[in-house]
């Protein structure tokens, strides 16, 4: 009888201990998430309760995000779950259905025409497919935004463009056309053009897509070196874990329209969210598909 009572007491104590541990872990994770997404004084990018709905489908839900000046944030997650849409909201290309967006303290969608022009000059974006002008040479691709947006003369723009091409290792290809250079060189050209207006905020949409591992590593090193030189703020969307860990100060994930900011590389490696752990292990976070039985 005494033995049974002892076993009963021990089971109760173990169950209570496990409950306390789970509660403490949940509180710790909630506190961590609050700290990662909380508003930061003077933040370059601030999103509060941002959601996006298209044709009745919720694509992004209750996004909270703060990116400090000079910070590099990498965003990862399964394909087609909202990463690029989030980047376009930050760029002012897509209007959210709800919530507030502030870039340098201002909402891009409420800016006057002159303010929008200034916003465009100070914000660079490298699109997933580079979006180069096929009919312009490498040099002209970099000079064009300076001539059209800043009103610089072709001579002045070309001097600045040569400096940028030198920084990305493309001076010798200045007279070639995009179709005449490799994919890695096209990426570097896209980076040079994104930097042509000297922006303090640069948005990169999958900058190493379709590149081999060696070229990918070189491209990310180049982006990081230029970011340090210019003290710019970067938001980088990528699905390459090694490249994200290589460049980021903090990391975030998008799962089915929900944003999870996981923190530094080390904090991300040990994050408690099971979806993050599965993604880093290369496992699907989606429920398994049911097999259809065929008789």
Foldseek 3Di string as FASTA:
>chain_A
DVVVVVVVVVVVVVVVVVVVVVVVLVVVQVVVQCVQQPEDVQFQKFWAQFWADDPNRTLAGGDGHTHHQLFEEEEEEDPPRCPVVVLCCQLVNDPTPDTAIAGSHHRLVPDDPVVVLVSVLQEFEQDPQRPFDQVDFLLCSQLVCCCVSVVDDSVVSSVLLCVLCVLLVNNVRRGHGPVPDDPLVSLSSSVSNSCSSVHQEYEYEASCPPHDPVSLQVSLVSVQVVSVVSSHYYYYYHLDPVSSLVRHQWYWYGDNNYIGTQGHPVSLCVPPDPCSVCSVVVHHPDDDDDDDDDD
